[in-house]
Amino acid sequence: MTASRVTIKDVAARAGVSKGAVSLAFNHKPGLSEATRERIFRAARELGWAPNLTARSLAGARVDVVGLAICRPARMLGLEPFYMEFVSGVESVLTEHSCSLLLRLVRNLQQEAGLLESWWKGRQIGGSILVDFQADDPRVAVAERLGLPVVAVGHPSLTGGLTSVWTDDATAVTEAVRYLAALGHRRIARVGGAAALGHTAIRTAAFDEAARALAPAGAWQVATDFSGEAGARATRSLLSAAAPDRPTAIVYDNDIMAVAGLSVAAEMGLKVPDDVSLLAWDDSQLCRLTHPTLSAMSHDVHGFGADVARTLFGVITGEGPGSHPVPTPVLTPRGSTAPPSR
């Protein structure tokens, strides 16, 4: 039975309940035990069924609002081009559907899990976008228990059985290291993001594997919080060693840290790319406004956000594309990378 032909009747039959009970479960109305409610949600997941958008609207559930919670400090979020471009992509699709985005900043994943439950039970949202997955992420179980329509922005190894959209971080990191090695670099460093994040762990493992083969003279990795200040500190530490023992190339997990690294190199009297090559992740306008311009792993972040939003509407209506990767970031060489001078 294909997901496009599954009906509420099929879900009811699988769960051993009436169609009315299925309706009560998905509209979070009283009258069912938690065990029955969970059995209905499990049957729906197994059949790949989600409530029809129009039907849920008639039932009183909100379908004109999509939730997005982000676990980042407000000040940093305002400075990070990635999320600004991602949200603009999401909004471009929500506008087509006459929907709004309910954006909240949270302190941790536990707070977000509680927020999702409050939003859904209070009928404040029709679905949610989940970002920044960690190992054993508590939001997976919450979304499944509630029957909340979601799209997880993360590799399937991190997102359980949730519909997921992701970038191939491992391949992109490997390509970055191969590019720098092809230029002649044998001492390569990476300034990464928060160690707890799943995509950071994926990039860390990929860098380790690639560097073992391609950077025999030395490889370094430093975890940060993605901020410019942390990127500057990491760069200063890496470049403070004597010339034979410091990296000749550094890969950064975002563009803000790469820009900060460029400033630190100049402060230390090092020329980019003559003394050290720098490569950024997320090719925002920042990378094209520096001198020299920053080489970057480029991907369409606005398009990524739009794809995620379209996938969420597919989950809500039961007619979406399902889990899928987006195009792998592509290396864009510019003025900040060159063969090492020593």
C-alpha atoms as a PDB file:
ATOM      1  CA  MET A   1       0.000   0.000   0.000  1.00  0.00           C
ATOM      2  CA  THR A   2       1.585   3.299  -1.010  1.00  0.00           C
ATOM      3  CA  ALA A   3       1.583   6.335   1.293  1.00  0.00           C
ATOM      4  CA  SER A   4      -0.398   8.387  -1.253  1.00  0.00           C
ATOM      5  CA  ARG A   5      -3.351   5.928  -1.039  1.00  0.00           C
ATOM      6  CA  VAL A   6      -3.403   5.403   2.705  1.00  0.00           C
ATOM      7  CA  THR A   7      -6.505   6.811   4.384  1.00  0.00           C
ATOM      8  CA  ILE A   8      -7.690   7.429   7.920  1.00  0.00           C
ATOM      9  CA  LYS A   9      -9.706   4.221   7.582  1.00  0.00           C
ATOM     10  CA  ASP A  10      -6.501   2.234   6.973  1.00  0.00           C
ATOM     11  CA  VAL A  11      -4.874   3.768  10.057  1.00  0.00           C
ATOM     12  CA  ALA A  12      -7.939   2.973  12.154  1.00  0.00           C
ATOM     13  CA  ALA A  13      -7.916  -0.638  10.964  1.00  0.00           C
ATOM     14  CA  ARG A  14      -4.200  -1.041  11.675  1.00  0.00           C
ATOM     15  CA  ALA A  15      -4.614   0.393  15.192  1.00  0.00           C
ATOM     16  CA  GLY A  16      -7.843  -1.502  15.880  1.00  0.00           C
ATOM     17  CA  VAL A  17      -9.876   1.641  16.570  1.00  0.00           C
ATOM     18  CA  SER A  18     -12.560   3.741  14.902  1.00  0.00           C
ATOM     19  CA  LYS A  19     -11.913   6.595  12.478  1.00  0.00           C
ATOM     20  CA  GLY A  20     -13.208   8.928  15.164  1.00  0.00           C
ATOM     21  CA  ALA A  21     -10.515   7.724  17.551  1.00  0.00           C
ATOM     22  CA  VAL A  22      -7.829   8.509  14.962  1.00  0.00           C
ATOM     23  CA  SER A  23      -9.288  11.996  14.596  1.00  0.00           C
ATOM     24  CA  LEU A  24      -9.282  12.483  18.376  1.00  0.00           C
ATOM     25  CA  ALA A  25      -5.646  11.377  18.597  1.00  0.00           C
ATOM     26  CA  PHE A  26      -4.346  13.680  15.875  1.00  0.00           C
ATOM     27  CA  ASN A  27      -6.355  16.651  17.124  1.00  0.00           C
ATOM     28  CA  HIS A  28      -5.145  16.066  20.691  1.00  0.00           C
ATOM     29  CA  LYS A  29      -8.636  15.857  22.139  1.00  0.00           C
ATOM     30  CA  PRO A  30      -9.584  13.967  25.308  1.00  0.00           C
ATOM     31  CA  GLY A  31     -11.296  10.605  25.297  1.00  0.00           C
ATOM     32  CA  LEU A  32      -8.382   8.259  24.583  1.00  0.00           C
ATOM     33  CA  SER A  33      -5.871   6.556  26.829  1.00  0.00           C
ATOM     34  CA  GLU A  34      -2.207   7.321  26.242  1.00  0.00           C
ATOM     35  CA  ALA A  35      -1.672   3.699  25.175  1.00  0.00           C
ATOM     36  CA  THR A  36      -4.406   3.942  22.527  1.00  0.00           C
ATOM     37  CA  ARG A  37      -3.143   7.322  21.338  1.00  0.00           C
ATOM     38  CA  GLU A  38       0.378   5.934  20.954  1.00  0.00           C
ATOM     39  CA  ARG A  39      -0.942   2.854  19.109  1.00  0.00           C
ATOM     40  CA  ILE A  40      -2.702   5.138  16.625  1.00  0.00           C
ATOM     41  CA  PHE A  41       0.414   7.268  16.086  1.00  0.00           C
ATOM     42  CA  ARG A  42       2.511   4.132  15.606  1.00  0.00           C
ATOM     43  CA  ALA A  43       0.051   2.772  13.025  1.00  0.00           C
ATOM     44  CA  ALA A  44       0.141   6.093  11.159  1.00  0.00           C
ATOM     45  CA  ARG A  45       3.950   6.085  11.117  1.00  0.00           C
ATOM     46  CA  GLU A  46       4.088   2.509   9.874  1.00  0.00           C
ATOM     47  CA  LEU A  47       1.688   3.323   7.034  1.00  0.00           C
ATOM     48  CA  GLY A  48       3.344   6.645   6.227  1.00  0.00           C
ATOM     49  CA  TRP A  49       0.080   8.539   6.849  1.00  0.00           C
ATOM     50  CA  ALA A  50      -0.355  12.126   8.062  1.00  0.00           C
ATOM     51  CA  PRO A  51      -3.586  14.112   8.482  1.00  0.00           C
ATOM     52  CA  ASN A  52      -4.743  15.970   5.401  1.00  0.00           C
ATOM     53  CA  LEU A  53      -3.931  19.669   5.611  1.00  0.00           C
ATOM     54  CA  THR A  54      -7.469  20.817   4.801  1.00  0.00           C
ATOM     55  CA  ALA A  55      -9.051  18.277   7.126  1.00  0.00           C
ATOM     56  CA  ARG A  56      -6.857  19.370  10.001  1.00  0.00           C
ATOM     57  CA  SER A  57      -7.750  22.985   9.311  1.00  0.00           C
ATOM     58  CA  LEU A  58     -11.465  22.156   9.523  1.00  0.00           C
ATOM     59  CA  ALA A  59     -10.800  20.276  12.742  1.00  0.00           C
ATOM     60  CA  GLY A  60      -9.366  23.427  14.303  1.00  0.00           C
ATOM     61  CA  ALA A  61      -5.631  22.665  14.218  1.00  0.00           C
ATOM     62  CA  ARG A  62      -3.272  25.437  13.127  1.00  0.00           C
ATOM     63  CA  VAL A  63      -1.890  24.847   9.658  1.00  0.00           C
ATOM     64  CA  ASP A  64      -0.898  28.447   8.932  1.00  0.00           C
ATOM     65  CA  VAL A  65       2.064  28.520  11.337  1.00  0.00           C
ATOM     66  CA  VAL A  66       5.329  26.549  11.217  1.00  0.00           C
ATOM     67  CA  GLY A  67       7.591  26.360  14.253  1.00  0.00           C
ATOM     68  CA  LEU A  68      11.379  26.675  14.360  1.00  0.00           C
ATOM     69  CA  ALA A  69      13.409  26.690  17.578  1.00  0.00           C
ATOM     70  CA  ILE A  70      17.151  27.386  17.514  1.00  0.00           C
ATOM     71  CA  CYS A  71      19.560  26.733  20.357  1.00  0.00           C
ATOM     72  CA  ARG A  72      21.897  29.700  19.861  1.00  0.00           C
ATOM     73  CA  PRO A  73      22.459  32.981  21.728  1.00  0.00           C
ATOM     74  CA  ALA A  74      20.373  35.798  20.214  1.00  0.00           C
ATOM     75  CA  ARG A  75      23.424  38.001  19.602  1.00  0.00           C
ATOM     76  CA  MET A  76      25.266  35.277  17.722  1.00  0.00           C
ATOM     77  CA  LEU A  77      22.230  34.303  15.650  1.00  0.00           C
ATOM     78  CA  GLY A  78      21.988  37.857  14.368  1.00  0.00           C
ATOM     79  CA  LEU A  79      25.597  37.724  13.198  1.00  0.00           C
ATOM     80  CA  GLU A  80      25.538  34.303  11.542  1.00  0.00           C
ATOM     81  CA  PRO A  81      24.774  34.502   7.799  1.00  0.00           C
ATOM     82  CA  PHE A  82      23.834  30.800   7.572  1.00  0.00           C
ATOM     83  CA  TYR A  83      20.670  31.040   9.635  1.00  0.00           C
ATOM     84  CA  MET A  84      19.626  34.336   8.103  1.00  0.00           C
ATOM     85  CA  GLU A  85      19.818  32.793   4.620  1.00  0.00           C
ATOM     86  CA  PHE A  86      18.220  29.533   5.778  1.00  0.00           C
ATOM     87  CA  VAL A  87      15.264  31.329   7.381  1.00  0.00           C
ATOM     88  CA  SER A  88      14.807  33.506   4.292  1.00  0.00           C
ATOM     89  CA  GLY A  89      14.547  30.325   2.214  1.00  0.00           C
ATOM     90  CA  VAL A  90      11.976  28.859   4.609  1.00  0.00           C
ATOM     91  CA  GLU A  91       9.975  32.105   4.534  1.00  0.00           C
ATOM     92  CA  SER A  92       9.944  32.167   0.734  1.00  0.00           C
ATOM     93  CA  VAL A  93       7.945  28.923   0.728  1.00  0.00           C
ATOM     94  CA  LEU A  94       5.759  29.806   3.716  1.00  0.00           C
ATOM     95  CA  THR A  95       4.698  32.963   1.896  1.00  0.00           C
ATOM     96  CA  GLU A  96       3.475  30.871  -1.033  1.00  0.00           C
ATOM     97  CA  HIS A  97       1.246  28.972   1.413  1.00  0.00           C
ATOM     98  CA  SER A  98       0.112  32.098   3.307  1.00  0.00           C
ATOM     99  CA  CYS A  99       1.844  30.725   6.411  1.00  0.00           C
ATOM    100  CA  SER A 100       3.933  32.341   9.125  1.00  0.00           C
ATOM    101  CA  LEU A 101       7.079  31.253  10.952  1.00  0.00           C
ATOM    102  CA  LEU A 102       7.029  31.009  14.747  1.00  0.00           C
ATOM    103  CA  LEU A 103      10.703  31.408  15.708  1.00  0.00           C
ATOM    104  CA  ARG A 104      11.985  30.853  19.234  1.00  0.00           C
ATOM    105  CA  LEU A 105      15.468  30.738  20.731  1.00  0.00           C
ATOM    106  CA  VAL A 106      16.011  28.067  23.385  1.00  0.00           C
ATOM    107  CA  ARG A 107      18.749  27.290  25.901  1.00  0.00           C
ATOM    108  CA  ASN A 108      18.972  23.545  25.270  1.00  0.00           C
ATOM    109  CA  LEU A 109      17.306  20.594  23.560  1.00  0.00           C
ATOM    110  CA  GLN A 110      15.271  19.692  26.642  1.00  0.00           C
ATOM    111  CA  GLN A 111      13.665  23.125  26.600  1.00  0.00           C
ATOM    112  CA  GLU A 112      12.960  22.760  22.890  1.00  0.00           C
ATOM    113  CA  ALA A 113      11.370  19.339  23.418  1.00  0.00           C
ATOM    114  CA  GLY A 114       9.006  20.859  25.958  1.00  0.00           C
ATOM    115  CA  LEU A 115       8.297  23.770  23.644  1.00  0.00           C
ATOM    116  CA  LEU A 116       7.364  21.424  20.790  1.00  0.00           C
ATOM    117  CA  GLU A 117       4.887  19.620  23.009  1.00  0.00           C
ATOM    118  CA  SER A 118       3.380  22.913  24.183  1.00  0.00           C
ATOM    119  CA  TRP A 119       3.092  24.249  20.636  1.00  0.00           C
ATOM    120  CA  TRP A 120       1.474  21.096  19.299  1.00  0.00           C
ATOM    121  CA  LYS A 121      -0.943  20.466  22.151  1.00  0.00           C
ATOM    122  CA  GLY A 122      -1.893  24.147  22.156  1.00  0.00           C
ATOM    123  CA  ARG A 123      -2.589  23.961  18.395  1.00  0.00           C
ATOM    124  CA  GLN A 124      -0.166  26.816  17.780  1.00  0.00           C
ATOM    125  CA  ILE A 125       1.608  25.143  14.849  1.00  0.00           C
ATOM    126  CA  GLY A 126       0.850  22.799  11.973  1.00  0.00           C
ATOM    127  CA  GLY A 127       4.390  21.380  11.931  1.00  0.00           C
ATOM    128  CA  SER A 128       7.961  22.189  12.870  1.00  0.00           C
ATOM    129  CA  ILE A 129      11.488  22.309  11.474  1.00  0.00           C
ATOM    130  CA  LEU A 130      14.128  20.746  13.720  1.00  0.00           C
ATOM    131  CA  VAL A 131      17.797  21.756  13.406  1.00  0.00           C
ATOM    132  CA  ASP A 132      21.176  21.134  15.077  1.00  0.00           C
ATOM    133  CA  PHE A 133      20.755  17.453  15.930  1.00  0.00           C
ATOM    134  CA  GLN A 134      22.847  15.706  18.550  1.00  0.00           C
ATOM    135  CA  ALA A 135      23.446  12.050  19.299  1.00  0.00           C
ATOM    136  CA  ASP A 136      20.454  10.514  21.127  1.00  0.00           C
ATOM    137  CA  ASP A 137      18.477  13.676  20.451  1.00  0.00           C
ATOM    138  CA  PRO A 138      15.401  13.860  22.752  1.00  0.00           C
ATOM    139  CA  ARG A 139      13.284  15.626  20.112  1.00  0.00           C
ATOM    140  CA  VAL A 140      13.015  12.460  18.023  1.00  0.00           C
ATOM    141  CA  ALA A 141      10.998  10.607  20.650  1.00  0.00           C
ATOM    142  CA  VAL A 142       8.875  13.671  21.425  1.00  0.00           C
ATOM    143  CA  ALA A 143       7.931  14.256  17.781  1.00  0.00           C
ATOM    144  CA  GLU A 144       7.088  10.585  17.269  1.00  0.00           C
ATOM    145  CA  ARG A 145       5.029  10.356  20.458  1.00  0.00           C
ATOM    146  CA  LEU A 146       3.010  13.452  19.591  1.00  0.00           C
ATOM    147  CA  GLY A 147       2.554  12.566  15.930  1.00  0.00           C
ATOM    148  CA  LEU A 148       3.912  16.054  15.211  1.00  0.00           C
ATOM    149  CA  PRO A 149       4.660  16.678  11.513  1.00  0.00           C
ATOM    150  CA  VAL A 150       8.331  17.643  11.355  1.00  0.00           C
ATOM    151  CA  VAL A 151      11.301  17.800   9.044  1.00  0.00           C
ATOM    152  CA  ALA A 152      14.666  17.111  10.637  1.00  0.00           C
ATOM    153  CA  VAL A 153      17.607  19.034   9.218  1.00  0.00           C
ATOM    154  CA  GLY A 154      20.317  16.476   9.776  1.00  0.00           C
ATOM    155  CA  HIS A 155      21.860  13.225   8.652  1.00  0.00           C
ATOM    156  CA  PRO A 156      19.528  10.191   9.032  1.00  0.00           C
ATOM    157  CA  SER A 157      22.027   8.620  11.433  1.00  0.00           C
ATOM    158  CA  LEU A 158      21.037  11.362  13.890  1.00  0.00           C
ATOM    159  CA  THR A 159      17.318  11.814  13.242  1.00  0.00           C
ATOM    160  CA  GLY A 160      15.769   8.398  13.940  1.00  0.00           C
ATOM    161  CA  GLY A 161      12.810   7.701  11.696  1.00  0.00           C
ATOM    162  CA  LEU A 162      11.922  11.368  11.126  1.00  0.00           C
ATOM    163  CA  THR A 163      11.733  12.762   7.603  1.00  0.00           C
ATOM    164  CA  SER A 164      15.156  14.332   7.047  1.00  0.00           C
ATOM    165  CA  VAL A 165      16.914  16.748   4.689  1.00  0.00           C
ATOM    166  CA  TRP A 166      20.696  16.932   4.963  1.00  0.00           C
ATOM    167  CA  THR A 167      23.995  17.930   3.397  1.00  0.00           C
ATOM    168  CA  ASP A 168      26.751  15.383   2.851  1.00  0.00           C
ATOM    169  CA  ASP A 169      29.201  16.910   5.326  1.00  0.00           C
ATOM    170  CA  ALA A 170      31.647  14.006   5.186  1.00  0.00           C
ATOM    171  CA  THR A 171      32.121  14.227   1.413  1.00  0.00           C
ATOM    172  CA  ALA A 172      32.487  18.011   1.543  1.00  0.00           C
ATOM    173  CA  VAL A 173      35.140  17.893   4.277  1.00  0.00           C
ATOM    174  CA  THR A 174      37.051  15.232   2.382  1.00  0.00           C
ATOM    175  CA  GLU A 175      36.947  17.358  -0.776  1.00  0.00           C
ATOM    176  CA  ALA A 176      38.302  20.358   1.151  1.00  0.00           C
ATOM    177  CA  VAL A 177      41.247  18.367   2.536  1.00  0.00           C
ATOM    178  CA  ARG A 178      41.963  16.832  -0.869  1.00  0.00           C
ATOM    179  CA  TYR A 179      41.996  20.278  -2.488  1.00  0.00           C
ATOM    180  CA  LEU A 180      44.457  21.661   0.049  1.00  0.00           C
ATOM    181  CA  ALA A 181      46.631  18.553  -0.246  1.00  0.00           C
ATOM    182  CA  ALA A 182      46.636  18.892  -4.033  1.00  0.00           C
ATOM    183  CA  LEU A 183      47.998  22.408  -3.573  1.00  0.00           C
ATOM    184  CA  GLY A 184      50.881  20.865  -1.612  1.00  0.00           C
ATOM    185  CA  HIS A 185      49.729  21.388   1.988  1.00  0.00           C
ATOM    186  CA  ARG A 186      50.811  18.641   4.364  1.00  0.00           C
ATOM    187  CA  ARG A 187      50.010  20.387   7.677  1.00  0.00           C
ATOM    188  CA  ILE A 188      46.288  21.141   7.753  1.00  0.00           C
ATOM    189  CA  ALA A 189      44.066  22.310  10.613  1.00  0.00           C
ATOM    190  CA  ARG A 190      40.309  22.565  11.079  1.00  0.00           C
ATOM    191  CA  VAL A 191      38.517  25.050  13.323  1.00  0.00           C
ATOM    192  CA  GLY A 192      35.248  23.240  13.979  1.00  0.00           C
ATOM    193  CA  GLY A 193      31.937  24.033  15.629  1.00  0.00           C
ATOM    194  CA  ALA A 194      30.379  22.821  18.866  1.00  0.00           C
ATOM    195  CA  ALA A 195      31.557  19.282  19.590  1.00  0.00           C
ATOM    196  CA  ALA A 196      28.098  18.149  20.771  1.00  0.00           C
ATOM    197  CA  LEU A 197      26.466  18.802  17.402  1.00  0.00           C
ATOM    198  CA  GLY A 198      25.970  15.772  15.191  1.00  0.00           C
ATOM    199  CA  HIS A 199      27.151  17.441  12.001  1.00  0.00           C
ATOM    200  CA  THR A 200      30.313  18.594  13.809  1.00  0.00           C
ATOM    201  CA  ALA A 201      31.027  14.994  14.788  1.00  0.00           C
ATOM    202  CA  ILE A 202      30.515  13.859  11.185  1.00  0.00           C
ATOM    203  CA  ARG A 203      32.916  16.527   9.910  1.00  0.00           C
ATOM    204  CA  THR A 204      35.451  15.695  12.629  1.00  0.00           C
ATOM    205  CA  ALA A 205      35.509  12.006  11.709  1.00  0.00           C
ATOM    206  CA  ALA A 206      35.773  12.790   7.984  1.00  0.00           C
ATOM    207  CA  PHE A 207      38.629  15.254   8.566  1.00  0.00           C
ATOM    208  CA  ASP A 208      40.508  12.730  10.705  1.00  0.00           C
ATOM    209  CA  GLU A 209      40.242  10.078   8.021  1.00  0.00           C
ATOM    210  CA  ALA A 210      41.231  12.374   5.156  1.00  0.00           C
ATOM    211  CA  ALA A 211      44.066  14.032   7.094  1.00  0.00           C
ATOM    212  CA  ARG A 212      45.634  10.697   8.044  1.00  0.00           C
ATOM    213  CA  ALA A 213      46.115   9.965   4.373  1.00  0.00           C
ATOM    214  CA  LEU A 214      46.738  13.450   2.970  1.00  0.00           C
ATOM    215  CA  ALA A 215      48.344  15.529   5.741  1.00  0.00           C
ATOM    216  CA  PRO A 216      51.149  13.298   7.048  1.00  0.00           C
ATOM    217  CA  ALA A 217      53.174  16.163   8.530  1.00  0.00           C
ATOM    218  CA  GLY A 218      50.433  17.184  10.960  1.00  0.00           C
ATOM    219  CA  ALA A 219      46.701  17.682  11.429  1.00  0.00           C
ATOM    220  CA  TRP A 220      44.890  19.683  14.109  1.00  0.00           C
ATOM    221  CA  GLN A 221      41.232  20.140  15.071  1.00  0.00           C
ATOM    222  CA  VAL A 222      39.851  22.711  17.506  1.00  0.00           C
ATOM    223  CA  ALA A 223      36.211  22.794  18.666  1.00  0.00           C
ATOM    224  CA  THR A 224      34.546  26.201  19.129  1.00  0.00           C
ATOM    225  CA  ASP A 225      31.093  27.754  19.495  1.00  0.00           C
ATOM    226  CA  PHE A 226      31.045  29.069  15.874  1.00  0.00           C
ATOM    227  CA  SER A 227      31.617  32.679  17.016  1.00  0.00           C
ATOM    228  CA  GLY A 228      34.158  35.037  15.525  1.00  0.00           C
ATOM    229  CA  GLU A 229      35.814  35.435  18.917  1.00  0.00           C
ATOM    230  CA  ALA A 230      36.299  31.687  19.314  1.00  0.00           C
ATOM    231  CA  GLY A 231      37.516  31.403  15.719  1.00  0.00           C
ATOM    232  CA  ALA A 232      40.070  34.132  16.366  1.00  0.00           C
ATOM    233  CA  ARG A 233      41.335  32.423  19.527  1.00  0.00           C
ATOM    234  CA  ALA A 234      41.649  29.076  17.773  1.00  0.00           C
ATOM    235  CA  THR A 235      43.512  30.643  14.847  1.00  0.00           C
ATOM    236  CA  ARG A 236      45.892  32.508  17.148  1.00  0.00           C
ATOM    237  CA  SER A 237      46.663  29.302  19.005  1.00  0.00           C
ATOM    238  CA  LEU A 238      47.268  27.329  15.811  1.00  0.00           C
ATOM    239  CA  LEU A 239      49.528  29.975  14.264  1.00  0.00           C
ATOM    240  CA  SER A 240      51.545  30.712  17.416  1.00  0.00           C
ATOM    241  CA  ALA A 241      53.805  27.701  16.914  1.00  0.00           C
ATOM    242  CA  ALA A 242      57.124  28.032  15.129  1.00  0.00           C
ATOM    243  CA  ALA A 243      56.916  27.841  11.344  1.00  0.00           C
ATOM    244  CA  PRO A 244      57.855  24.153  10.916  1.00  0.00           C
ATOM    245  CA  ASP A 245      55.250  23.091  13.483  1.00  0.00           C
ATOM    246  CA  ARG A 246      52.229  25.159  12.531  1.00  0.00           C
ATOM    247  CA  PRO A 247      49.607  24.441   9.863  1.00  0.00           C
ATOM    248  CA  THR A 248      50.002  25.892   6.386  1.00  0.00           C
ATOM    249  CA  ALA A 249      46.253  25.673   5.760  1.00  0.00           C
ATOM    250  CA  ILE A 250      43.149  26.011   7.962  1.00  0.00           C
ATOM    251  CA  VAL A 251      39.562  24.940   7.225  1.00  0.00           C
ATOM    252  CA  TYR A 252      36.803  26.717   9.170  1.00  0.00           C
ATOM    253  CA  ASP A 253      33.311  25.376   9.920  1.00  0.00           C
ATOM    254  CA  ASN A 254      31.682  28.706   9.064  1.00  0.00           C
ATOM    255  CA  ASP A 255      32.428  31.991   7.358  1.00  0.00           C
ATOM    256  CA  ILE A 256      32.441  34.178  10.491  1.00  0.00           C
ATOM    257  CA  MET A 257      35.343  32.229  11.970  1.00  0.00           C
ATOM    258  CA  ALA A 258      37.219  32.313   8.655  1.00  0.00           C
ATOM    259  CA  VAL A 259      36.905  36.106   8.487  1.00  0.00           C
ATOM    260  CA  ALA A 260      38.151  36.324  12.081  1.00  0.00           C
ATOM    261  CA  GLY A 261      41.033  34.004  11.177  1.00  0.00           C
ATOM    262  CA  LEU A 262      41.991  36.275   8.283  1.00  0.00           C
ATOM    263  CA  SER A 263      42.235  39.219  10.683  1.00  0.00           C
ATOM    264  CA  VAL A 264      44.342  37.231  13.150  1.00  0.00           C
ATOM    265  CA  ALA A 265      46.783  36.200  10.412  1.00  0.00           C
ATOM    266  CA  ALA A 266      47.277  39.854   9.464  1.00  0.00           C
ATOM    267  CA  GLU A 267      47.681  40.793  13.138  1.00  0.00           C
ATOM    268  CA  MET A 268      50.442  38.171  13.469  1.00  0.00           C
ATOM    269  CA  GLY A 269      52.247  39.439  10.386  1.00  0.00           C
ATOM    270  CA  LEU A 270      51.341  36.437   8.235  1.00  0.00           C
ATOM    271  CA  LYS A 271      50.282  36.831   4.634  1.00  0.00           C
ATOM    272  CA  VAL A 272      47.257  34.978   3.242  1.00  0.00           C
ATOM    273  CA  PRO A 273      47.704  32.849   1.192  1.00  0.00           C
ATOM    274  CA  ASP A 274      51.536  33.033   1.062  1.00  0.00           C
ATOM    275  CA  ASP A 275      52.096  32.003   4.690  1.00  0.00           C
ATOM    276  CA  VAL A 276      48.794  30.273   5.417  1.00  0.00           C
ATOM    277  CA  SER A 277      45.792  29.310   3.290  1.00  0.00           C
ATOM    278  CA  LEU A 278      42.268  29.727   4.683  1.00  0.00           C
ATOM    279  CA  LEU A 279      39.106  27.925   3.540  1.00  0.00           C
ATOM    280  CA  ALA A 280      35.602  28.763   4.819  1.00  0.00           C
ATOM    281  CA  TRP A 281      32.394  26.757   5.072  1.00  0.00           C
ATOM    282  CA  ASP A 282      29.159  28.471   3.947  1.00  0.00           C
ATOM    283  CA  ASP A 283      29.938  30.830   1.106  1.00  0.00           C
ATOM    284  CA  SER A 284      28.096  33.986   2.199  1.00  0.00           C
ATOM    285  CA  GLN A 285      28.691  37.536   1.001  1.00  0.00           C
ATOM    286  CA  LEU A 286      31.257  37.880   3.793  1.00  0.00           C
ATOM    287  CA  CYS A 287      33.629  35.628   1.866  1.00  0.00           C
ATOM    288  CA  ARG A 288      33.555  37.954  -1.141  1.00  0.00           C
ATOM    289  CA  LEU A 289      34.025  41.178   0.820  1.00  0.00           C
ATOM    290  CA  THR A 290      37.371  40.344   2.447  1.00  0.00           C
ATOM    291  CA  HIS A 291      40.856  40.946   1.053  1.00  0.00           C
ATOM    292  CA  PRO A 292      41.886  38.531  -0.178  1.00  0.00           C
ATOM    293  CA  THR A 293      38.504  36.988  -0.919  1.00  0.00           C
ATOM    294  CA  LEU A 294      37.942  33.724   0.929  1.00  0.00           C
ATOM    295  CA  SER A 295      37.903  30.348  -0.765  1.00  0.00           C
ATOM    296  CA  ALA A 296      34.826  28.471   0.444  1.00  0.00           C
ATOM    297  CA  MET A 297      32.712  25.346   0.364  1.00  0.00           C
ATOM    298  CA  SER A 298      29.688  26.818  -1.416  1.00  0.00           C
ATOM    299  CA  HIS A 299      26.107  25.668  -1.194  1.00  0.00           C
ATOM    300  CA  ASP A 300      22.743  27.306  -1.723  1.00  0.00           C
ATOM    301  CA  VAL A 301      21.639  27.941   1.864  1.00  0.00           C
ATOM    302  CA  HIS A 302      18.530  29.865   0.766  1.00  0.00           C
ATOM    303  CA  GLY A 303      17.565  26.967  -1.487  1.00  0.00           C
ATOM    304  CA  PHE A 304      18.278  24.552   1.370  1.00  0.00           C
ATOM    305  CA  GLY A 305      15.789  26.384   3.589  1.00  0.00           C
ATOM    306  CA  ALA A 306      13.185  26.433   0.825  1.00  0.00           C
ATOM    307  CA  ASP A 307      13.646  22.690   0.235  1.00  0.00           C
ATOM    308  CA  VAL A 308      13.168  21.987   3.948  1.00  0.00           C
ATOM    309  CA  ALA A 309       9.948  24.028   4.053  1.00  0.00           C
ATOM    310  CA  ARG A 310       8.541  22.304   0.958  1.00  0.00           C
ATOM    311  CA  THR A 311       9.387  18.923   2.483  1.00  0.00           C
ATOM    312  CA  LEU A 312       7.544  19.871   5.673  1.00  0.00           C
ATOM    313  CA  PHE A 313       4.386  20.718   3.725  1.00  0.00           C
ATOM    314  CA  GLY A 314       4.767  17.332   2.076  1.00  0.00           C
ATOM    315  CA  VAL A 315       4.876  15.681   5.504  1.00  0.00           C
ATOM    316  CA  ILE A 316       1.759  17.575   6.594  1.00  0.00           C
ATOM    317  CA  THR A 317      -0.220  16.633   3.486  1.00  0.00           C
ATOM    318  CA  GLY A 318       1.224  13.135   3.119  1.00  0.00           C
ATOM    319  CA  GLU A 319       2.367  13.924  -0.421  1.00  0.00           C
ATOM    320  CA  GLY A 320       5.973  14.981   0.068  1.00  0.00           C
ATOM    321  CA  PRO A 321       9.294  13.750  -1.315  1.00  0.00           C
ATOM    322  CA  GLY A 322      10.368  12.098   1.935  1.00  0.00           C
ATOM    323  CA  SER A 323      13.914  12.098   3.268  1.00  0.00           C
ATOM    324  CA  HIS A 324      16.618  13.216   0.843  1.00  0.00           C
ATOM    325  CA  PRO A 325      20.029  14.902   0.690  1.00  0.00           C
ATOM    326  CA  VAL A 326      20.611  18.296  -0.894  1.00  0.00           C
ATOM    327  CA  PRO A 327      23.518  18.887  -3.293  1.00  0.00           C
ATOM    328  CA  THR A 328      26.915  18.521  -1.639  1.00  0.00           C
ATOM    329  CA  PRO A 329      28.755  21.830  -1.027  1.00  0.00           C
ATOM    330  CA  VAL A 330      31.112  22.642  -3.903  1.00  0.00           C
ATOM    331  CA  LEU A 331      34.596  24.058  -3.514  1.00  0.00           C
ATOM    332  CA  THR A 332      34.956  27.639  -4.779  1.00  0.00           C
ATOM    333  CA  PRO A 333      38.657  28.632  -4.882  1.00  0.00           C
ATOM    334  CA  ARG A 334      39.423  32.332  -4.422  1.00  0.00           C
ATOM    335  CA  GLY A 335      42.313  34.429  -3.184  1.00  0.00           C
ATOM    336  CA  SER A 336      42.840  32.880   0.236  1.00  0.00           C
ATOM    337  CA  THR A 337      44.249  29.523  -0.896  1.00  0.00           C
ATOM    338  CA  ALA A 338      47.478  28.770  -2.761  1.00  0.00           C
ATOM    339  CA  PRO A 339      50.404  26.337  -2.650  1.00  0.00           C
ATOM    340  CA  PRO A 340      52.484  26.704   0.549  1.00  0.00           C
ATOM    341  CA  SER A 341      55.551  28.903   0.267  1.00  0.00           C
ATOM    342  CA  ARG A 342      57.674  26.622   2.450  1.00  0.00           C
END
